[in-house]
């Protein structure tokens, strides 16, 4: 019995060591190249498969060594006792994992309408999002809600048609519901592959390749170029889908349209050119890539992570609002929770500069300075102590008493004043006002009492004086 206890103890120790070692390495990699960071959220209607998809991502990235299941109550991101008992996500959880030389910081959000504020708080700090759909149901009620929320923050999105293994799954019907209910332009990148009635793989319509998952819990997959001679009808269907996809993208992207005109064909376009065009359309939110898979059956998760890296923006491609801070610290609190051992923990998304353990910070919304305590990197309910976290990453700090969800923090009041002056100057130009003021910011702006000016708009964007509510017109806006 004593030997068994020792073995069990060392198993747990090794598991935690692996997680902590990865967190340290992730932070080191992030220091080297912010372009290789993706800060994304995963959104969906209840039971579409968000948590299962997140669990598979962690497994295939090597962050965890065994896959948990929602119905078994042993997933990484559903760590609360009530979440495990009920099989639902109640609170958002942040995880980080490596994929093909990139670091993906992902926030798993609840699907129930009761916890929609958890989604709203997370969306404020995301650069991109995955919207998961049940392939047998298409767009559902809560899908509409999270889509509107994401649009309010101008977040580029891609859609993942999960549960393609179900007999009633229909990719075409899902694409129609996306177009009709979400009023969005879907770009279908995959066709499902079935064998003897079973979903076994995908056809990549950009590269014209067949991807088949074989065995090894979804780790092993093979790619094969489709040919007219070997594949016949399958090749014809894929070619039709490829041409429709390229034609749709070319109507949104001038660069790809110019390439097509020069080539005088839709069939001879390089894969890289199409992927770059999809990336530009996604970031501009002109089109939304649609991918297929079945997370529970371990199919399509790797291609989903490839799409996150290829099509969703890095921190450098968005968040222009925080350029006004220059090299100073700029971070936004998006979650505050109490930990039995560590006390109050505040989750921060860093947009600029860096934060150090024990650093003094200034809260713009509260007009108050505070002293931070310990500094951590989070993997759900695992916290790795670190000395520094840099821009583009998510940090967890302790000992902040005044900071609340949504507050913007920087190094000092002098840094805040400099940032406001720069931002106010930018907002005097109508094109910058249109670029920086998203729908969510405009709604708050149009609710202020006093006459709106670029200074008032800067206060709204920086979270200063949010208590002044009313209505007014804003002539400086385009």
Protein backbone atom coordinates (compact mmCIF):
# COMPACT_ATOMS: atom_id res chain seq x y z
CA UNK A 1 0.00 0.00 0.00
CA UNK A 2 2.88 2.33 0.86
CA UNK A 3 4.54 1.64 -2.50
CA UNK A 4 1.29 2.44 -4.33
CA UNK A 5 1.02 5.79 -2.51
CA UNK A 6 4.58 6.70 -3.53
CA UNK A 7 3.91 5.81 -7.17
CA UNK A 8 0.68 7.81 -7.20
CA UNK A 9 2.47 10.80 -5.63
CA UNK A 10 5.24 10.81 -8.23
CA UNK A 11 2.74 10.45 -11.10
CA UNK A 12 1.01 13.64 -9.96
CA UNK A 13 4.34 15.38 -9.45
CA UNK A 14 5.54 14.50 -12.96
CA UNK A 15 2.25 15.64 -14.49
CA UNK A 16 2.50 19.05 -12.78
CA UNK A 17 6.16 19.37 -13.69
CA UNK A 18 5.34 18.84 -17.38
CA UNK A 19 2.69 21.52 -17.27
CA UNK A 20 4.94 24.00 -15.51
CA UNK A 21 7.87 23.34 -17.80
CA UNK A 22 5.67 24.07 -20.80
CA UNK A 23 4.41 27.31 -19.28
CA UNK A 24 7.97 28.49 -18.73
CA UNK A 25 8.95 27.57 -22.28
CA UNK A 26 5.86 29.26 -23.68
CA UNK A 27 6.78 32.47 -21.92
CA UNK A 28 10.32 32.24 -23.26
CA UNK A 29 9.10 31.70 -26.82
CA UNK A 30 6.65 34.60 -26.51
CA UNK A 31 9.55 36.90 -25.62
CA UNK A 32 11.22 36.05 -28.91
CA UNK A 33 8.38 36.68 -31.36
CA UNK A 34 5.01 38.28 -30.67
CA UNK A 35 3.98 37.49 -34.26
CA UNK A 36 3.77 33.82 -33.25
CA UNK A 37 1.18 34.40 -30.52
CA UNK A 38 -2.56 33.89 -31.02
CA UNK A 39 -5.00 35.07 -28.34
CA UNK A 40 -8.33 33.43 -29.11
CA UNK A 41 -11.58 32.41 -27.50
CA UNK A 42 -13.86 29.49 -28.20
CA UNK A 43 -17.57 30.36 -28.38
CA UNK A 44 -20.70 28.31 -29.02
CA UNK A 45 -24.21 27.29 -28.07
CA UNK A 46 -24.46 24.83 -25.19
CA UNK A 47 -23.27 21.26 -25.98
CA UNK A 48 -21.72 22.18 -29.32
CA UNK A 49 -18.39 20.79 -28.11
CA UNK A 50 -16.25 23.72 -26.93
CA UNK A 51 -14.65 22.03 -23.95
CA UNK A 52 -14.08 18.75 -25.81
CA UNK A 53 -12.39 20.67 -28.62
CA UNK A 54 -10.17 22.53 -26.13
CA UNK A 55 -9.22 19.24 -24.46
CA UNK A 56 -8.18 17.75 -27.83
CA UNK A 57 -6.10 20.85 -28.62
CA UNK A 58 -4.21 20.47 -25.35
CA UNK A 59 -3.64 16.78 -26.05
CA UNK A 60 -2.40 17.10 -29.64
CA UNK A 61 -0.13 19.99 -28.67
CA UNK A 62 1.51 17.76 -26.05
CA UNK A 63 0.44 19.93 -23.11
CA UNK A 64 -1.47 17.03 -21.50
CA UNK A 65 -0.81 13.33 -21.92
CA UNK A 66 -4.34 11.96 -21.70
CA UNK A 67 -7.67 13.29 -22.96
CA UNK A 68 -10.44 13.97 -20.48
CA UNK A 69 -14.14 13.83 -21.31
CA UNK A 70 -16.91 16.20 -20.24
CA UNK A 71 -19.19 13.31 -19.23
CA UNK A 72 -16.40 11.83 -17.10
CA UNK A 73 -15.80 15.17 -15.35
CA UNK A 74 -12.03 15.13 -15.89
CA UNK A 75 -11.34 17.87 -18.44
CA UNK A 76 -8.68 20.52 -17.83
CA UNK A 77 -10.81 23.65 -18.35
CA UNK A 78 -13.91 22.41 -16.47
CA UNK A 79 -12.10 22.25 -13.14
CA UNK A 80 -14.84 23.47 -10.78
CA UNK A 81 -16.74 20.76 -8.91
CA UNK A 82 -20.13 21.97 -10.17
CA UNK A 83 -18.84 22.02 -13.77
CA UNK A 84 -17.70 18.42 -13.49
CA UNK A 85 -20.90 17.25 -11.84
CA UNK A 86 -23.21 18.99 -14.32
CA UNK A 87 -21.07 18.52 -17.43
CA UNK A 88 -21.27 22.21 -18.38
CA UNK A 89 -18.89 25.17 -18.45
CA UNK A 90 -19.77 27.81 -15.85
CA UNK A 91 -16.69 30.02 -15.75
CA UNK A 92 -14.18 30.90 -18.47
CA UNK A 93 -10.77 29.23 -18.21
CA UNK A 94 -7.48 30.30 -19.79
CA UNK A 95 -5.01 27.77 -21.21
CA UNK A 96 -1.85 28.12 -23.31
CA UNK A 97 -0.27 25.56 -25.62
CA UNK A 98 2.30 25.43 -28.44
CA UNK A 99 1.46 24.53 -32.03
CA UNK A 100 3.84 24.48 -35.01
CA UNK A 101 6.21 27.10 -33.60
CA UNK A 102 3.37 29.31 -32.33
CA UNK A 103 1.82 29.86 -28.92
CA UNK A 104 -1.97 29.79 -28.67
CA UNK A 105 -3.54 31.43 -25.62
CA UNK A 106 -7.13 30.17 -25.53
CA UNK A 107 -10.09 31.06 -23.33
CA UNK A 108 -12.84 28.43 -23.07
CA UNK A 109 -16.14 30.24 -22.42
CA UNK A 110 -19.56 29.05 -21.18
CA UNK A 111 -22.36 28.27 -23.62
CA UNK A 112 -25.34 28.89 -21.31
CA UNK A 113 -27.11 32.23 -21.63
CA UNK A 114 -27.05 32.41 -17.79
CA UNK A 115 -23.28 32.92 -17.88
CA UNK A 116 -23.11 35.22 -20.88
CA UNK A 117 -21.25 37.91 -18.90
CA UNK A 118 -18.30 35.51 -18.68
CA UNK A 119 -18.29 35.54 -22.50
CA UNK A 120 -18.60 39.33 -22.66
CA UNK A 121 -15.66 39.85 -20.30
CA UNK A 122 -13.46 37.46 -22.28
CA UNK A 123 -14.33 38.96 -25.67
CA UNK A 124 -12.93 42.33 -24.60
CA UNK A 125 -9.37 40.92 -24.61
CA UNK A 126 -9.44 38.52 -27.58
CA UNK A 127 -7.74 38.95 -30.96
CA UNK A 128 -9.75 36.19 -32.65
CA UNK A 129 -12.32 33.49 -31.94
CA UNK A 130 -13.47 30.02 -32.92
CA UNK A 131 -17.25 29.68 -33.14
CA UNK A 132 -18.20 26.01 -32.75
CA UNK A 133 -21.39 24.77 -34.39
CA UNK A 134 -23.13 21.43 -34.00
CA UNK A 135 -23.05 20.19 -37.62
CA UNK A 136 -26.45 18.57 -37.18
CA UNK A 137 -28.10 21.76 -35.87
CA UNK A 138 -26.27 24.67 -37.54
CA UNK A 139 -26.70 28.13 -36.03
CA UNK A 140 -28.59 27.95 -32.71
CA UNK A 141 -29.98 30.54 -30.31
CA UNK A 142 -26.84 31.17 -28.24
CA UNK A 143 -24.73 31.12 -31.42
CA UNK A 144 -26.55 34.28 -32.48
CA UNK A 145 -25.86 35.88 -29.09
CA UNK A 146 -22.10 35.18 -29.03
CA UNK A 147 -21.81 36.20 -32.70
CA UNK A 148 -23.38 39.59 -31.96
CA UNK A 149 -21.12 39.99 -28.93
CA UNK A 150 -18.02 39.20 -31.00
CA UNK A 151 -19.13 41.61 -33.73
CA UNK A 152 -19.43 44.34 -31.10
CA UNK A 153 -15.71 44.00 -30.42
CA UNK A 154 -14.76 43.54 -34.11
CA UNK A 155 -13.23 40.13 -33.47
CA UNK A 156 -12.21 38.07 -36.54
CA UNK A 157 -13.72 34.60 -36.39
CA UNK A 158 -13.60 31.20 -37.99
CA UNK A 159 -16.33 28.58 -37.68
CA UNK A 160 -15.82 24.92 -36.80
CA UNK A 161 -18.55 22.43 -37.76
CA UNK A 162 -18.21 19.88 -34.98
CA UNK A 163 -19.93 16.47 -34.71
CA UNK A 164 -19.55 15.71 -38.42
CA UNK A 165 -19.62 12.01 -37.46
CA UNK A 166 -23.36 12.20 -36.77
CA UNK A 167 -25.69 10.72 -39.35
CA UNK A 168 -27.71 13.94 -39.61
CA UNK A 169 -24.67 16.24 -39.93
CA UNK A 170 -24.89 18.47 -43.01
CA UNK A 171 -22.11 20.91 -43.91
CA UNK A 172 -24.12 22.54 -46.72
CA UNK A 173 -27.09 23.19 -44.41
CA UNK A 174 -24.74 24.74 -41.85
CA UNK A 175 -23.23 27.03 -44.49
CA UNK A 176 -26.75 28.18 -45.50
CA UNK A 177 -27.70 28.85 -41.85
CA UNK A 178 -24.49 30.87 -41.36
CA UNK A 179 -25.32 32.98 -44.40
CA UNK A 180 -29.01 33.40 -43.53
CA UNK A 181 -29.01 33.70 -39.72
CA UNK A 182 -25.64 35.32 -39.04
CA UNK A 183 -25.66 37.48 -42.19
CA UNK A 184 -22.04 36.45 -42.72
CA UNK A 185 -20.05 35.32 -45.77
CA UNK A 186 -18.92 31.71 -45.08
CA UNK A 187 -15.81 30.34 -46.82
CA UNK A 188 -16.11 26.54 -46.75
CA UNK A 189 -12.55 25.18 -46.65
CA UNK A 190 -13.35 21.49 -46.08
CA UNK A 191 -15.53 18.73 -47.45
CA UNK A 192 -16.20 15.66 -45.26
CA UNK A 193 -14.94 12.22 -46.35
CA UNK A 194 -17.04 9.15 -45.48
CA UNK A 195 -16.26 5.47 -45.81
CA UNK A 196 -18.97 2.86 -45.26
CA UNK A 197 -21.12 5.51 -43.62
CA UNK A 198 -18.39 6.64 -41.20
CA UNK A 199 -16.73 10.05 -41.11
CA UNK A 200 -13.01 9.36 -41.55
CA UNK A 201 -11.45 12.55 -42.88
CA UNK A 202 -11.59 15.79 -44.86
CA UNK A 203 -10.83 17.24 -48.25
CA UNK A 204 -8.84 20.47 -48.05
CA UNK A 205 -10.39 22.61 -50.79
CA UNK A 206 -7.48 25.07 -50.81
CA UNK A 207 -4.69 22.53 -51.33
CA UNK A 208 -6.93 19.93 -53.05
CA UNK A 209 -5.71 17.29 -50.60
CA UNK A 210 -7.46 14.41 -48.86
CA UNK A 211 -6.69 14.18 -45.12
CA UNK A 212 -7.49 10.84 -43.49
CA UNK A 213 -7.15 10.04 -39.77
CA UNK A 214 -6.10 6.44 -39.21
CA UNK A 215 -5.37 5.39 -35.61
CA UNK A 216 -3.48 6.47 -32.50
CA UNK A 217 -6.32 8.51 -30.90
CA UNK A 218 -6.30 10.93 -33.81
CA UNK A 219 -2.55 11.58 -33.72
CA UNK A 220 -1.86 9.81 -37.00
CA UNK A 221 -3.13 11.32 -40.23
CA UNK A 222 -2.15 11.08 -43.88
CA UNK A 223 -2.35 13.71 -46.63
CA UNK A 224 -2.75 12.82 -50.27
CA UNK A 225 -3.04 15.06 -53.32
CA UNK A 226 -6.24 14.40 -55.26
CA UNK A 227 -5.91 13.54 -58.95
CA UNK A 228 -8.47 13.22 -61.71
CA UNK A 229 -7.23 9.77 -62.72
CA UNK A 230 -7.21 8.21 -59.25
CA UNK A 231 -10.22 9.88 -57.64
CA UNK A 232 -12.80 10.50 -60.37
CA UNK A 233 -16.04 11.83 -58.87
CA UNK A 234 -14.38 12.80 -55.59
CA UNK A 235 -11.88 14.94 -57.54
CA UNK A 236 -14.71 16.58 -59.53
CA UNK A 237 -16.61 17.48 -56.35
CA UNK A 238 -13.46 18.86 -54.77
CA UNK A 239 -12.60 20.88 -57.89
CA UNK A 240 -16.09 22.35 -57.94
CA UNK A 241 -15.76 23.34 -54.26
CA UNK A 242 -12.26 24.74 -54.90
CA UNK A 243 -13.47 26.94 -57.75
CA UNK A 244 -16.45 28.21 -55.75
CA UNK A 245 -14.14 29.01 -52.82
CA UNK A 246 -11.57 30.85 -54.95
CA UNK A 247 -14.33 32.75 -56.74
CA UNK A 248 -15.88 33.82 -53.41
CA UNK A 249 -12.55 34.96 -51.98
CA UNK A 250 -11.63 36.86 -55.15
CA UNK A 251 -14.82 38.92 -54.82
CA UNK A 252 -13.59 40.06 -51.38
CA UNK A 253 -9.83 40.36 -51.98
CA UNK A 254 -8.40 42.52 -54.76
CA UNK A 255 -4.95 40.94 -54.61
CA UNK A 256 -6.28 37.47 -55.33
CA UNK A 257 -8.57 38.86 -58.06
CA UNK A 258 -5.53 40.39 -59.77
CA UNK A 259 -3.68 37.06 -59.62
CA UNK A 260 -6.67 35.28 -61.20
CA UNK A 261 -6.84 37.86 -64.00
CA UNK A 262 -3.14 37.36 -64.72
CA UNK A 263 -3.46 33.55 -64.66
CA UNK A 264 -6.78 33.61 -66.57
CA UNK A 265 -7.92 30.59 -64.55
CA UNK A 266 -9.31 29.61 -61.14
CA UNK A 267 -7.38 26.32 -61.12
CA UNK A 268 -3.75 27.42 -61.31
CA UNK A 269 -3.61 29.63 -58.22
CA UNK A 270 -0.85 28.77 -55.72
CA UNK A 271 -2.03 27.41 -52.37
CA UNK A 272 -0.05 30.10 -50.51
CA UNK A 273 -1.79 32.88 -52.46
CA UNK A 274 -5.22 31.50 -51.54
CA UNK A 275 -4.26 31.07 -47.88
CA UNK A 276 -2.93 34.64 -47.72
CA UNK A 277 -6.19 35.89 -49.25
CA UNK A 278 -8.25 33.93 -46.69
CA UNK A 279 -6.10 35.47 -43.94
CA UNK A 280 -6.74 39.01 -45.22
CA UNK A 281 -10.48 38.40 -45.60
CA UNK A 282 -10.72 36.90 -42.11
CA UNK A 283 -8.87 39.74 -40.39
CA UNK A 284 -10.97 42.31 -42.32
CA UNK A 285 -14.09 40.28 -41.40
CA UNK A 286 -15.21 40.18 -45.02
CA UNK A 287 -15.35 36.40 -44.93
CA UNK A 288 -15.32 33.68 -42.28
CA UNK A 289 -13.53 30.34 -42.85
CA UNK A 290 -15.63 27.26 -42.16
CA UNK A 291 -13.89 24.02 -41.16
CA UNK A 292 -15.21 20.53 -40.45
CA UNK A 293 -14.37 17.92 -37.82
CA UNK A 294 -15.48 15.75 -34.93
CA UNK A 295 -13.61 16.54 -31.73
CA UNK A 296 -15.08 13.62 -29.77
CA UNK A 297 -13.96 11.21 -32.50
CA UNK A 298 -10.53 12.93 -32.67
CA UNK A 299 -10.94 14.12 -36.27
CA UNK A 300 -10.20 17.62 -37.58
CA UNK A 301 -8.67 19.21 -34.48
CA UNK A 302 -5.16 19.51 -35.94
CA UNK A 303 -6.50 21.22 -39.08
CA UNK A 304 -8.47 23.59 -36.83
CA UNK A 305 -5.29 24.58 -34.98
CA UNK A 306 -3.53 25.02 -38.33
CA UNK A 307 -6.32 27.40 -39.35
CA UNK A 308 -5.98 29.39 -36.10
CA UNK A 309 -2.28 29.93 -36.84
CA UNK A 310 -2.82 30.66 -40.54
CA UNK A 311 -5.93 32.85 -40.55
CA UNK A 312 -6.49 34.53 -37.17
CA UNK A 313 -4.46 37.67 -36.34
CA UNK A 314 -1.42 38.01 -34.12
CA UNK A 315 -1.33 40.76 -31.44
CA UNK A 316 0.65 42.94 -33.88
CA UNK A 317 -2.13 42.84 -36.50
CA UNK A 318 -4.81 44.30 -34.22
CA UNK A 319 -5.12 46.24 -30.95
CA UNK A 320 -4.02 49.52 -32.57
CA UNK A 321 -5.77 51.31 -29.72
CA UNK A 322 -2.94 50.42 -27.33
CA UNK A 323 -0.20 51.81 -29.59
CA UNK A 324 -0.68 55.09 -27.72
CA UNK A 325 1.10 53.54 -24.70
CA UNK A 326 4.30 53.05 -26.70
CA UNK A 327 6.74 50.91 -24.69
CA UNK A 328 4.82 51.43 -21.43
CA UNK A 329 2.72 48.72 -19.81
CA UNK A 330 -0.83 48.42 -21.16
CA UNK A 331 -2.98 45.59 -19.81
CA UNK A 332 -6.69 44.97 -19.33
CA UNK A 333 -8.25 42.92 -16.52
CA UNK A 334 -10.80 40.45 -17.84
CA UNK A 335 -11.37 38.11 -14.92
CA UNK A 336 -11.16 38.33 -11.12
CA UNK A 337 -11.50 35.24 -8.97
CA UNK A 338 -10.68 34.07 -5.46
CA UNK A 339 -8.26 31.21 -4.86
CA UNK A 340 -8.18 29.47 -1.48
CA UNK A 341 -4.38 29.51 -1.35
CA UNK A 342 -3.41 32.60 -3.36
CA UNK A 343 -6.25 34.97 -2.47
CA UNK A 344 -7.67 37.33 -5.11
CA UNK A 345 -6.28 36.59 -8.59
CA UNK A 346 -6.65 39.08 -11.44
CA UNK A 347 -6.27 37.87 -15.04
CA UNK A 348 -4.64 40.46 -17.30
CA UNK A 349 -4.23 40.55 -21.07
CA UNK A 350 -1.02 42.44 -21.89
CA UNK A 351 -1.11 44.66 -24.99
CA UNK A 352 2.17 46.51 -24.50
CA UNK A 353 5.25 46.60 -22.31
CA UNK A 354 5.71 43.97 -19.62
CA UNK A 355 4.67 43.30 -16.04
CA UNK A 356 7.02 42.11 -13.31
CA UNK A 357 6.47 40.36 -10.02
CA UNK A 358 5.74 42.88 -7.25
CA UNK A 359 5.44 45.79 -9.70
CA UNK A 360 3.48 48.93 -8.84
CA UNK A 361 0.67 49.62 -11.34
CA UNK A 362 -1.80 52.44 -12.03
CA UNK A 363 -5.50 51.74 -12.68
CA UNK A 364 -6.97 54.26 -15.17
CA UNK A 365 -10.61 53.47 -14.37
CA UNK A 366 -10.19 53.78 -10.59
CA UNK A 367 -7.52 56.55 -10.74
CA UNK A 368 -5.57 54.57 -8.19
CA UNK A 369 -2.13 52.96 -7.84
CA UNK A 370 -1.74 49.43 -6.48
CA UNK A 371 1.07 47.07 -5.60
CA UNK A 372 0.97 43.68 -7.31
CA UNK A 373 1.97 40.54 -5.47
CA UNK A 374 2.91 37.26 -7.09
CA UNK A 375 2.87 36.82 -10.87
CA UNK A 376 1.68 33.63 -12.58
CA UNK A 377 1.01 32.01 -15.94
CA UNK A 378 -2.23 29.97 -15.87
CA UNK A 379 -3.24 26.62 -17.30
CA UNK A 380 -6.86 26.40 -16.11
CA UNK A 381 -6.45 25.92 -12.31
CA UNK A 382 -2.68 25.35 -12.47
CA UNK A 383 -0.55 28.44 -11.78
CA UNK A 384 3.16 28.67 -12.57
CA UNK A 385 5.04 31.47 -10.74
CA UNK A 386 7.11 33.63 -13.10
CA UNK A 387 9.15 36.80 -12.77
CA UNK A 388 8.00 38.62 -15.94
CA UNK A 389 5.21 38.38 -18.54
CA UNK A 390 5.57 40.25 -21.82
CA UNK A 391 3.19 41.87 -24.33
CA UNK A 392 0.80 39.58 -26.18
CA UNK A 393 0.38 37.14 -23.30
CA UNK A 394 -2.02 36.54 -20.42
CA UNK A 395 -0.77 37.09 -16.87
CA UNK A 396 -2.33 36.37 -13.48
CA UNK A 397 -1.44 38.65 -10.56
CA UNK A 398 -2.35 38.50 -6.90
CA UNK A 399 -3.00 41.14 -4.23
CA UNK A 400 -4.93 43.65 -6.39
CA UNK A 401 -7.84 44.91 -4.28
CA UNK A 402 -9.30 47.78 -6.33
CA UNK A 403 -8.88 46.44 -9.87
CA UNK A 404 -12.08 45.03 -11.38
CA UNK A 405 -13.05 43.33 -14.61
CA UNK A 406 -12.63 45.61 -17.62
CA UNK A 407 -10.16 48.00 -15.96
CA UNK A 408 -7.13 49.15 -17.94
CA UNK A 409 -3.83 49.36 -16.10
CA UNK A 410 -0.43 50.87 -16.88
CA UNK A 411 2.83 51.60 -15.05
CA UNK A 412 2.05 55.06 -13.65
CA UNK A 413 -0.28 58.04 -13.90
CA UNK A 414 2.28 59.83 -16.07
CA UNK A 415 2.14 56.92 -18.56
CA UNK A 416 -1.66 57.13 -18.56
CA UNK A 417 -1.60 60.89 -19.27
CA UNK A 418 0.84 60.45 -22.15
CA UNK A 419 -1.28 57.68 -23.63
CA UNK A 420 -4.47 59.78 -23.42
CA UNK A 421 -2.76 62.73 -25.16
CA UNK A 422 -1.57 60.53 -28.02
CA UNK A 423 -4.95 58.81 -28.38
CA UNK A 424 -6.85 62.11 -28.34
CA UNK A 425 -4.60 63.43 -31.09
CA UNK A 426 -5.27 60.32 -33.19
CA UNK A 427 -9.05 60.55 -32.71
CA UNK A 428 -9.12 64.03 -34.24
CA UNK A 429 -8.59 62.32 -37.60
CA UNK A 430 -11.94 60.82 -38.79
CA UNK A 431 -10.26 57.75 -40.31
CA UNK A 432 -8.63 56.91 -36.98
CA UNK A 433 -11.90 57.48 -35.11
CA UNK A 434 -13.63 55.04 -37.46
CA UNK A 435 -10.82 52.53 -37.02
CA UNK A 436 -10.53 52.64 -33.23
CA UNK A 437 -14.16 53.03 -32.21
CA UNK A 438 -15.89 49.66 -32.54
CA UNK A 439 -19.64 49.14 -32.13
CA UNK A 440 -19.33 48.38 -28.39
CA UNK A 441 -17.31 51.55 -27.78
CA UNK A 442 -19.74 53.63 -29.85
CA UNK A 443 -22.68 52.43 -27.78
CA UNK A 444 -20.93 53.52 -24.59
CA UNK A 445 -19.86 56.76 -26.21
CA UNK A 446 -23.39 57.66 -27.29
CA UNK A 447 -24.58 57.16 -23.72
CA UNK A 448 -22.48 59.91 -22.12
CA UNK A 449 -24.08 63.09 -20.77
CA UNK A 450 -21.68 65.80 -21.86
CA UNK A 451 -21.04 66.86 -25.45
CA UNK A 452 -18.75 64.36 -27.09
CA UNK A 453 -15.27 65.33 -28.15
CA UNK A 454 -12.16 63.34 -29.08
CA UNK A 455 -11.16 63.72 -25.41
CA UNK A 456 -14.41 62.06 -24.32
CA UNK A 457 -13.90 59.30 -26.86
CA UNK A 458 -10.38 58.72 -25.52
CA UNK A 459 -11.82 58.45 -21.99
CA UNK A 460 -14.29 55.81 -23.17
CA UNK A 461 -11.64 53.77 -24.97
CA UNK A 462 -9.31 53.92 -21.98
CA UNK A 463 -12.10 53.25 -19.48
CA UNK A 464 -11.86 56.64 -17.75
CA UNK A 465 -15.04 58.17 -16.25
CA UNK A 466 -17.36 55.34 -17.27
CA UNK A 467 -19.93 56.46 -14.69
CA UNK A 468 -21.14 59.44 -16.80
CA UNK A 469 -24.09 58.06 -18.76
CA UNK A 470 -26.56 59.90 -20.99
CA UNK A 471 -27.18 60.71 -24.68
CA UNK A 472 -25.53 63.12 -27.11
CA UNK A 473 -24.53 63.49 -30.76
CA UNK A 474 -20.91 63.21 -31.87
CA UNK A 475 -20.12 65.49 -34.84
CA UNK A 476 -16.41 64.62 -34.97
CA UNK A 477 -17.22 60.99 -35.89
CA UNK A 478 -17.24 60.09 -39.61
